Full PDB file with SEQRES, HELIX, SHEET, SSBOND, CRYST1, ORIGX, SCALE, CONECT and MASTER records, all heavy atoms in Angstrom:
SEQRES   1 A   32  LEU GLN GLN GLU ALA ASN PHE ASP TYR ILE ILE CYS PRO          
SEQRES   2 A   32  ILE GLY GLY GLY GLY LEU ILE ALA GLY THR CYS LEU PHE          
SEQRES   3 A   32  ALA ASN GLN PHE SER PRO                                      
HELIX    1 AA1 GLY A   18  PHE A   30  1                                  13    
CRYST1    1.000    1.000    1.000  90.00  90.00  90.00 P 1           1          
ORIGX1      1.000000  0.000000  0.000000        0.00000                         
ORIGX2      0.000000  1.000000  0.000000        0.00000                         
ORIGX3      0.000000  0.000000  1.000000        0.00000                         
SCALE1      1.000000  0.000000  0.000000        0.00000                         
SCALE2      0.000000  1.000000  0.000000        0.00000                         
SCALE3      0.000000  0.000000  1.000000        0.00000                         
ATOM      1  N   LEU A   1     106.289 106.783  92.208  1.00  0.00           N  
ATOM      2  CA  LEU A   1     107.681 107.210  92.355  1.00  0.00           C  
ATOM      3  C   LEU A   1     108.534 106.860  91.136  1.00  0.00           C  
ATOM      4  O   LEU A   1     109.615 107.430  90.952  1.00  0.00           O  
ATOM      5  CB  LEU A   1     108.284 106.600  93.618  1.00  0.00           C  
ATOM      6  CG  LEU A   1     107.644 107.069  94.932  1.00  0.00           C  
ATOM      7  CD1 LEU A   1     108.167 106.259  96.104  1.00  0.00           C  
ATOM      8  CD2 LEU A   1     107.864 108.563  95.146  1.00  0.00           C  
ATOM      9  N   GLN A   2     108.054 105.928  90.301  1.00  0.00           N  
ATOM     10  CA  GLN A   2     108.719 105.647  89.025  1.00  0.00           C  
ATOM     11  C   GLN A   2     108.342 106.695  87.984  1.00  0.00           C  
ATOM     12  O   GLN A   2     109.123 107.024  87.084  1.00  0.00           O  
ATOM     13  CB  GLN A   2     108.320 104.252  88.502  1.00  0.00           C  
ATOM     14  CG  GLN A   2     108.627 103.098  89.442  1.00  0.00           C  
ATOM     15  CD  GLN A   2     110.088 102.974  89.779  1.00  0.00           C  
ATOM     16  OE1 GLN A   2     110.924 102.889  88.892  1.00  0.00           O  
ATOM     17  NE2 GLN A   2     110.415 102.970  91.057  1.00  0.00           N  
ATOM     18  N   GLN A   3     107.137 107.242  88.121  1.00  0.00           N  
ATOM     19  CA  GLN A   3     106.619 108.202  87.144  1.00  0.00           C  
ATOM     20  C   GLN A   3     107.111 109.620  87.391  1.00  0.00           C  
ATOM     21  O   GLN A   3     107.251 110.412  86.463  1.00  0.00           O  
ATOM     22  CB  GLN A   3     105.083 108.173  87.151  1.00  0.00           C  
ATOM     23  CG  GLN A   3     104.492 106.874  86.625  1.00  0.00           C  
ATOM     24  CD  GLN A   3     103.014 106.727  86.967  1.00  0.00           C  
ATOM     25  OE1 GLN A   3     102.625 106.795  88.124  1.00  0.00           O  
ATOM     26  NE2 GLN A   3     102.184 106.515  85.954  1.00  0.00           N  
ATOM     27  N   GLU A   4     107.340 109.951  88.655  1.00  0.00           N  
ATOM     28  CA  GLU A   4     107.752 111.307  89.043  1.00  0.00           C  
ATOM     29  C   GLU A   4     108.539 111.207  90.356  1.00  0.00           C  
ATOM     30  O   GLU A   4     108.188 110.396  91.207  1.00  0.00           O  
ATOM     31  CB  GLU A   4     106.529 112.205  89.218  1.00  0.00           C  
ATOM     32  CG  GLU A   4     106.825 113.677  89.428  1.00  0.00           C  
ATOM     33  CD  GLU A   4     107.333 114.384  88.183  1.00  0.00           C  
ATOM     34  OE1 GLU A   4     106.910 114.023  87.060  1.00  0.00           O  
ATOM     35  OE2 GLU A   4     108.160 115.305  88.332  1.00  0.00           O  
ATOM     36  N   ALA A   5     109.567 112.020  90.500  1.00  0.00           N  
ATOM     37  CA  ALA A   5     110.441 111.895  91.673  1.00  0.00           C  
ATOM     38  C   ALA A   5     110.425 113.154  92.534  1.00  0.00           C  
ATOM     39  O   ALA A   5     109.842 114.180  92.173  1.00  0.00           O  
ATOM     40  CB  ALA A   5     111.864 111.585  91.223  1.00  0.00           C  
ATOM     41  N   ASN A   6     111.080 113.046  93.673  1.00  0.00           N  
ATOM     42  CA  ASN A   6     111.360 114.186  94.562  1.00  0.00           C  
ATOM     43  C   ASN A   6     110.108 114.860  95.132  1.00  0.00           C  
ATOM     44  O   ASN A   6     110.017 116.094  95.182  1.00  0.00           O  
ATOM     45  CB  ASN A   6     112.232 115.223  93.839  1.00  0.00           C  
ATOM     46  CG  ASN A   6     113.541 114.639  93.360  1.00  0.00           C  
ATOM     47  OD1 ASN A   6     114.206 113.900  94.086  1.00  0.00           O  
ATOM     48  ND2 ASN A   6     113.905 114.935  92.118  1.00  0.00           N  
ATOM     49  N   PHE A   7     109.173 114.059  95.571  1.00  0.00           N  
ATOM     50  CA  PHE A   7     107.994 114.618  96.233  1.00  0.00           C  
ATOM     51  C   PHE A   7     108.335 115.002  97.672  1.00  0.00           C  
ATOM     52  O   PHE A   7     109.032 114.275  98.382  1.00  0.00           O  
ATOM     53  CB  PHE A   7     106.843 113.602  96.249  1.00  0.00           C  
ATOM     54  CG  PHE A   7     106.196 113.402  94.917  1.00  0.00           C  
ATOM     55  CD1 PHE A   7     106.425 112.241  94.181  1.00  0.00           C  
ATOM     56  CD2 PHE A   7     105.364 114.369  94.382  1.00  0.00           C  
ATOM     57  CE1 PHE A   7     105.842 112.056  92.945  1.00  0.00           C  
ATOM     58  CE2 PHE A   7     104.765 114.189  93.138  1.00  0.00           C  
ATOM     59  CZ  PHE A   7     105.006 113.031  92.414  1.00  0.00           C  
ATOM     60  N   ASP A   8     107.812 116.138  98.093  1.00  0.00           N  
ATOM     61  CA  ASP A   8     107.926 116.520  99.501  1.00  0.00           C  
ATOM     62  C   ASP A   8     106.906 115.756 100.345  1.00  0.00           C  
ATOM     63  O   ASP A   8     107.206 115.349 101.469  1.00  0.00           O  
ATOM     64  CB  ASP A   8     107.694 118.030  99.660  1.00  0.00           C  
ATOM     65  CG  ASP A   8     108.763 118.848  98.954  1.00  0.00           C  
ATOM     66  OD1 ASP A   8     109.931 118.741  99.361  1.00  0.00           O  
ATOM     67  OD2 ASP A   8     108.430 119.575  98.002  1.00  0.00           O  
ATOM     68  N   TYR A   9     105.707 115.586  99.777  1.00  0.00           N  
ATOM     69  CA  TYR A   9     104.631 114.912 100.504  1.00  0.00           C  
ATOM     70  C   TYR A   9     103.855 113.973  99.582  1.00  0.00           C  
ATOM     71  O   TYR A   9     103.680 114.259  98.390  1.00  0.00           O  
ATOM     72  CB  TYR A   9     103.621 115.925 101.068  1.00  0.00           C  
ATOM     73  CG  TYR A   9     104.194 116.893 102.068  1.00  0.00           C  
ATOM     74  CD1 TYR A   9     104.537 118.195 101.691  1.00  0.00           C  
ATOM     75  CD2 TYR A   9     104.377 116.525 103.402  1.00  0.00           C  
ATOM     76  CE1 TYR A   9     105.049 119.097 102.609  1.00  0.00           C  
ATOM     77  CE2 TYR A   9     104.892 117.418 104.329  1.00  0.00           C  
ATOM     78  CZ  TYR A   9     105.228 118.708 103.923  1.00  0.00           C  
ATOM     79  OH  TYR A   9     105.744 119.587 104.847  1.00  0.00           O  
ATOM     80  N   ILE A  10     103.402 112.872 100.139  1.00  0.00           N  
ATOM     81  CA  ILE A  10     102.387 112.024  99.501  1.00  0.00           C  
ATOM     82  C   ILE A  10     101.206 111.968 100.458  1.00  0.00           C  
ATOM     83  O   ILE A  10     101.377 111.715 101.655  1.00  0.00           O  
ATOM     84  CB  ILE A  10     102.906 110.602  99.219  1.00  0.00           C  
ATOM     85  CG1 ILE A  10     104.077 110.627  98.242  1.00  0.00           C  
ATOM     86  CG2 ILE A  10     101.776 109.724  98.655  1.00  0.00           C  
ATOM     87  CD1 ILE A  10     104.724 109.271  97.998  1.00  0.00           C  
ATOM     88  N   ILE A  11     100.027 112.207  99.916  1.00  0.00           N  
ATOM     89  CA  ILE A  11      98.823 112.251 100.748  1.00  0.00           C  
ATOM     90  C   ILE A  11      97.875 111.140 100.334  1.00  0.00           C  
ATOM     91  O   ILE A  11      97.597 110.934  99.148  1.00  0.00           O  
ATOM     92  CB  ILE A  11      98.112 113.607 100.611  1.00  0.00           C  
ATOM     93  CG1 ILE A  11      99.096 114.725 100.971  1.00  0.00           C  
ATOM     94  CG2 ILE A  11      96.884 113.681 101.510  1.00  0.00           C  
ATOM     95  CD1 ILE A  11      98.548 116.091 100.754  1.00  0.00           C  
ATOM     96  N   CYS A  12      97.360 110.422 101.330  1.00  0.00           N  
ATOM     97  CA  CYS A  12      96.401 109.339 101.105  1.00  0.00           C  
ATOM     98  C   CYS A  12      95.166 109.544 101.988  1.00  0.00           C  
ATOM     99  O   CYS A  12      95.301 109.967 103.140  1.00  0.00           O  
ATOM    100  CB  CYS A  12      96.986 107.982 101.490  1.00  0.00           C  
ATOM    101  SG  CYS A  12      98.503 107.525 100.682  1.00  0.00           S  
ATOM    102  N   PRO A  13      93.997 109.192 101.492  1.00  0.00           N  
ATOM    103  CA  PRO A  13      92.841 109.109 102.390  1.00  0.00           C  
ATOM    104  C   PRO A  13      93.022 107.915 103.328  1.00  0.00           C  
ATOM    105  O   PRO A  13      93.656 106.923 102.955  1.00  0.00           O  
ATOM    106  CB  PRO A  13      91.666 108.901 101.433  1.00  0.00           C  
ATOM    107  CG  PRO A  13      92.272 108.287 100.212  1.00  0.00           C  
ATOM    108  CD  PRO A  13      93.668 108.819 100.111  1.00  0.00           C  
ATOM    109  N   ILE A  14      92.483 108.019 104.541  1.00  0.00           N  
ATOM    110  CA  ILE A  14      92.597 106.917 105.500  1.00  0.00           C  
ATOM    111  C   ILE A  14      91.221 106.385 105.871  1.00  0.00           C  
ATOM    112  O   ILE A  14      90.360 107.117 106.367  1.00  0.00           O  
ATOM    113  CB  ILE A  14      93.305 107.343 106.799  1.00  0.00           C  
ATOM    114  CG1 ILE A  14      94.698 107.871 106.514  1.00  0.00           C  
ATOM    115  CG2 ILE A  14      93.399 106.160 107.756  1.00  0.00           C  
ATOM    116  CD1 ILE A  14      95.468 108.225 107.767  1.00  0.00           C  
ATOM    117  N   GLY A  15      91.024 105.100 105.617  1.00  0.00           N  
ATOM    118  CA  GLY A  15      89.837 104.385 106.084  1.00  0.00           C  
ATOM    119  C   GLY A  15      90.309 103.273 106.992  1.00  0.00           C  
ATOM    120  O   GLY A  15      90.551 103.447 108.177  1.00  0.00           O  
ATOM    121  N   GLY A  16      90.503 102.101 106.396  1.00  0.00           N  
ATOM    122  CA  GLY A  16      91.030 100.974 107.156  1.00  0.00           C  
ATOM    123  C   GLY A  16      92.530 101.032 107.354  1.00  0.00           C  
ATOM    124  O   GLY A  16      93.077 100.345 108.212  1.00  0.00           O  
ATOM    125  N   GLY A  17      93.220 101.842 106.550  1.00  0.00           N  
ATOM    126  CA  GLY A  17      94.648 102.052 106.733  1.00  0.00           C  
ATOM    127  C   GLY A  17      95.567 101.270 105.819  1.00  0.00           C  
ATOM    128  O   GLY A  17      96.789 101.436 105.878  1.00  0.00           O  
ATOM    129  N   GLY A  18      95.025 100.422 104.954  1.00  0.00           N  
ATOM    130  CA  GLY A  18      95.861  99.598 104.091  1.00  0.00           C  
ATOM    131  C   GLY A  18      96.636 100.387 103.053  1.00  0.00           C  
ATOM    132  O   GLY A  18      97.830 100.129 102.821  1.00  0.00           O  
ATOM    133  N   LEU A  19      95.993 101.363 102.427  1.00  0.00           N  
ATOM    134  CA  LEU A  19      96.652 102.154 101.381  1.00  0.00           C  
ATOM    135  C   LEU A  19      97.780 102.991 101.963  1.00  0.00           C  
ATOM    136  O   LEU A  19      98.899 102.986 101.437  1.00  0.00           O  
ATOM    137  CB  LEU A  19      95.643 103.061 100.673  1.00  0.00           C  
ATOM    138  CG  LEU A  19      96.229 104.044  99.653  1.00  0.00           C  
ATOM    139  CD1 LEU A  19      96.913 103.304  98.520  1.00  0.00           C  
ATOM    140  CD2 LEU A  19      95.140 104.971  99.113  1.00  0.00           C  
ATOM    141  N   ILE A  20      97.509 103.691 103.049  1.00  0.00           N  
ATOM    142  CA  ILE A  20      98.543 104.571 103.592  1.00  0.00           C  
ATOM    143  C   ILE A  20      99.683 103.764 104.205  1.00  0.00           C  
ATOM    144  O   ILE A  20     100.850 104.148 104.107  1.00  0.00           O  
ATOM    145  CB  ILE A  20      97.952 105.593 104.597  1.00  0.00           C  
ATOM    146  CG1 ILE A  20      98.968 106.716 104.831  1.00  0.00           C  
ATOM    147  CG2 ILE A  20      97.524 104.941 105.902  1.00  0.00           C  
ATOM    148  CD1 ILE A  20      98.387 107.937 105.508  1.00  0.00           C  
ATOM    149  N   ALA A  21      99.384 102.607 104.796  1.00  0.00           N  
ATOM    150  CA  ALA A  21     100.447 101.758 105.351  1.00  0.00           C  
ATOM    151  C   ALA A  21     101.353 101.233 104.237  1.00  0.00           C  
ATOM    152  O   ALA A  21     102.579 101.267 104.350  1.00  0.00           O  
ATOM    153  CB  ALA A  21      99.848 100.603 106.145  1.00  0.00           C  
ATOM    154  N   GLY A  22     100.745 100.744 103.156  1.00  0.00           N  
ATOM    155  CA  GLY A  22     101.532 100.271 102.017  1.00  0.00           C  
ATOM    156  C   GLY A  22     102.349 101.391 101.394  1.00  0.00           C  
ATOM    157  O   GLY A  22     103.513 101.202 101.018  1.00  0.00           O  
ATOM    158  N   THR A  23     101.749 102.569 101.307  1.00  0.00           N  
ATOM    159  CA  THR A  23     102.451 103.738 100.779  1.00  0.00           C  
ATOM    160  C   THR A  23     103.673 104.066 101.640  1.00  0.00           C  
ATOM    161  O   THR A  23     104.753 104.370 101.124  1.00  0.00           O  
ATOM    162  CB  THR A  23     101.496 104.946 100.729  1.00  0.00           C  
ATOM    163  OG1 THR A  23     100.425 104.648  99.816  1.00  0.00           O  
ATOM    164  CG2 THR A  23     102.205 106.205 100.266  1.00  0.00           C  
ATOM    165  N   CYS A  24     103.500 103.990 102.950  1.00  0.00           N  
ATOM    166  CA  CYS A  24     104.614 104.235 103.878  1.00  0.00           C  
ATOM    167  C   CYS A  24     105.774 103.276 103.620  1.00  0.00           C  
ATOM    168  O   CYS A  24     106.947 103.690 103.575  1.00  0.00           O  
ATOM    169  CB  CYS A  24     104.144 104.065 105.320  1.00  0.00           C  
ATOM    170  SG  CYS A  24     103.086 105.386 105.941  1.00  0.00           S  
ATOM    171  N   LEU A  25     105.465 101.996 103.450  1.00  0.00           N  
ATOM    172  CA  LEU A  25     106.512 100.985 103.267  1.00  0.00           C  
ATOM    173  C   LEU A  25     107.320 101.228 101.999  1.00  0.00           C  
ATOM    174  O   LEU A  25     108.551 101.143 101.994  1.00  0.00           O  
ATOM    175  CB  LEU A  25     105.896  99.588 103.247  1.00  0.00           C  
ATOM    176  CG  LEU A  25     105.252  99.122 104.563  1.00  0.00           C  
ATOM    177  CD1 LEU A  25     104.572  97.781 104.373  1.00  0.00           C  
ATOM    178  CD2 LEU A  25     106.283  99.043 105.680  1.00  0.00           C  
ATOM    179  N   PHE A  26     106.631 101.538 100.904  1.00  0.00           N  
ATOM    180  CA  PHE A  26     107.327 101.772  99.636  1.00  0.00           C  
ATOM    181  C   PHE A  26     108.061 103.112  99.636  1.00  0.00           C  
ATOM    182  O   PHE A  26     109.196 103.199  99.161  1.00  0.00           O  
ATOM    183  CB  PHE A  26     106.343 101.694  98.461  1.00  0.00           C  
ATOM    184  CG  PHE A  26     106.075 100.292  97.996  1.00  0.00           C  
ATOM    185  CD1 PHE A  26     105.128  99.508  98.632  1.00  0.00           C  
ATOM    186  CD2 PHE A  26     106.775  99.747  96.930  1.00  0.00           C  
ATOM    187  CE1 PHE A  26     104.875  98.202  98.210  1.00  0.00           C  
ATOM    188  CE2 PHE A  26     106.534  98.442  96.502  1.00  0.00           C  
ATOM    189  CZ  PHE A  26     105.579  97.663  97.142  1.00  0.00           C  
ATOM    190  N   ALA A  27     107.427 104.152 100.170  1.00  0.00           N  
ATOM    191  CA  ALA A  27     108.076 105.466 100.200  1.00  0.00           C  
ATOM    192  C   ALA A  27     109.320 105.435 101.076  1.00  0.00           C  
ATOM    193  O   ALA A  27     110.344 106.048 100.742  1.00  0.00           O  
ATOM    194  CB  ALA A  27     107.095 106.519 100.712  1.00  0.00           C  
ATOM    195  N   ASN A  28     109.260 104.705 102.165  1.00  0.00           N  
ATOM    196  CA  ASN A  28     110.402 104.615 103.070  1.00  0.00           C  
ATOM    197  C   ASN A  28     111.622 104.009 102.379  1.00  0.00           C  
ATOM    198  O   ASN A  28     112.765 104.405 102.646  1.00  0.00           O  
ATOM    199  CB  ASN A  28     110.026 103.774 104.292  1.00  0.00           C  
ATOM    200  CG  ASN A  28     111.150 103.679 105.302  1.00  0.00           C  
ATOM    201  OD1 ASN A  28     111.641 104.679 105.791  1.00  0.00           O  
ATOM    202  ND2 ASN A  28     111.573 102.465 105.603  1.00  0.00           N  
ATOM    203  N   GLN A  29     111.379 103.080 101.470  1.00  0.00           N  
ATOM    204  CA  GLN A  29     112.484 102.428 100.755  1.00  0.00           C  
ATOM    205  C   GLN A  29     112.933 103.201  99.520  1.00  0.00           C  
ATOM    206  O   GLN A  29     114.126 103.270  99.220  1.00  0.00           O  
ATOM    207  CB  GLN A  29     112.071 101.011 100.348  1.00  0.00           C  
ATOM    208  CG  GLN A  29     111.956 100.033 101.503  1.00  0.00           C  
ATOM    209  CD  GLN A  29     113.299  99.725 102.149  1.00  0.00           C  
ATOM    210  OE1 GLN A  29     114.343  99.746 101.512  1.00  0.00           O  
ATOM    211  NE2 GLN A  29     113.281  99.464 103.445  1.00  0.00           N  
ATOM    212  N   PHE A  30     111.979 103.766  98.782  1.00  0.00           N  
ATOM    213  CA  PHE A  30     112.307 104.339  97.477  1.00  0.00           C  
ATOM    214  C   PHE A  30     112.341 105.871  97.446  1.00  0.00           C  
ATOM    215  O   PHE A  30     112.816 106.450  96.471  1.00  0.00           O  
ATOM    216  CB  PHE A  30     111.315 103.821  96.427  1.00  0.00           C  
ATOM    217  CG  PHE A  30     111.408 102.339  96.209  1.00  0.00           C  
ATOM    218  CD1 PHE A  30     110.526 101.469  96.851  1.00  0.00           C  
ATOM    219  CD2 PHE A  30     112.392 101.794  95.399  1.00  0.00           C  
ATOM    220  CE1 PHE A  30     110.617 100.092  96.675  1.00  0.00           C  
ATOM    221  CE2 PHE A  30     112.493 100.424  95.209  1.00  0.00           C  
ATOM    222  CZ  PHE A  30     111.608  99.564  95.851  1.00  0.00           C  
ATOM    223  N   SER A  31     111.831 106.516  98.494  1.00  0.00           N  
ATOM    224  CA  SER A  31     111.880 107.984  98.568  1.00  0.00           C  
ATOM    225  C   SER A  31     111.820 108.405 100.036  1.00  0.00           C  
ATOM    226  O   SER A  31     110.862 109.034 100.484  1.00  0.00           O  
ATOM    227  CB  SER A  31     110.697 108.585  97.791  1.00  0.00           C  
ATOM    228  OG  SER A  31     110.786 109.992  97.726  1.00  0.00           O  
ATOM    229  N   PRO A  32     112.862 108.072 100.800  1.00  0.00           N  
ATOM    230  CA  PRO A  32     112.810 108.237 102.257  1.00  0.00           C  
ATOM    231  C   PRO A  32     112.642 109.666 102.749  1.00  0.00           C  
ATOM    232  O   PRO A  32     112.205 109.877 103.883  1.00  0.00           O  
ATOM    233  CB  PRO A  32     114.154 107.641 102.718  1.00  0.00           C  
ATOM    234  CG  PRO A  32     115.025 107.602 101.514  1.00  0.00           C  
ATOM    235  CD  PRO A  32     114.111 107.430 100.351  1.00  0.00           C  
TER     236      PRO A  32                                                      
MASTER        0    0    0    1    0    0    0    6  235    1    0    3          
END                                                                             
């Protein structure tokens, strides 16, 4: 989100869920 802004969607693969959960937390604050 520092490199490029205004995304409609961010897509993550889901295994254990750590990457997508962390992505949710940061996106919610910096690109709600």
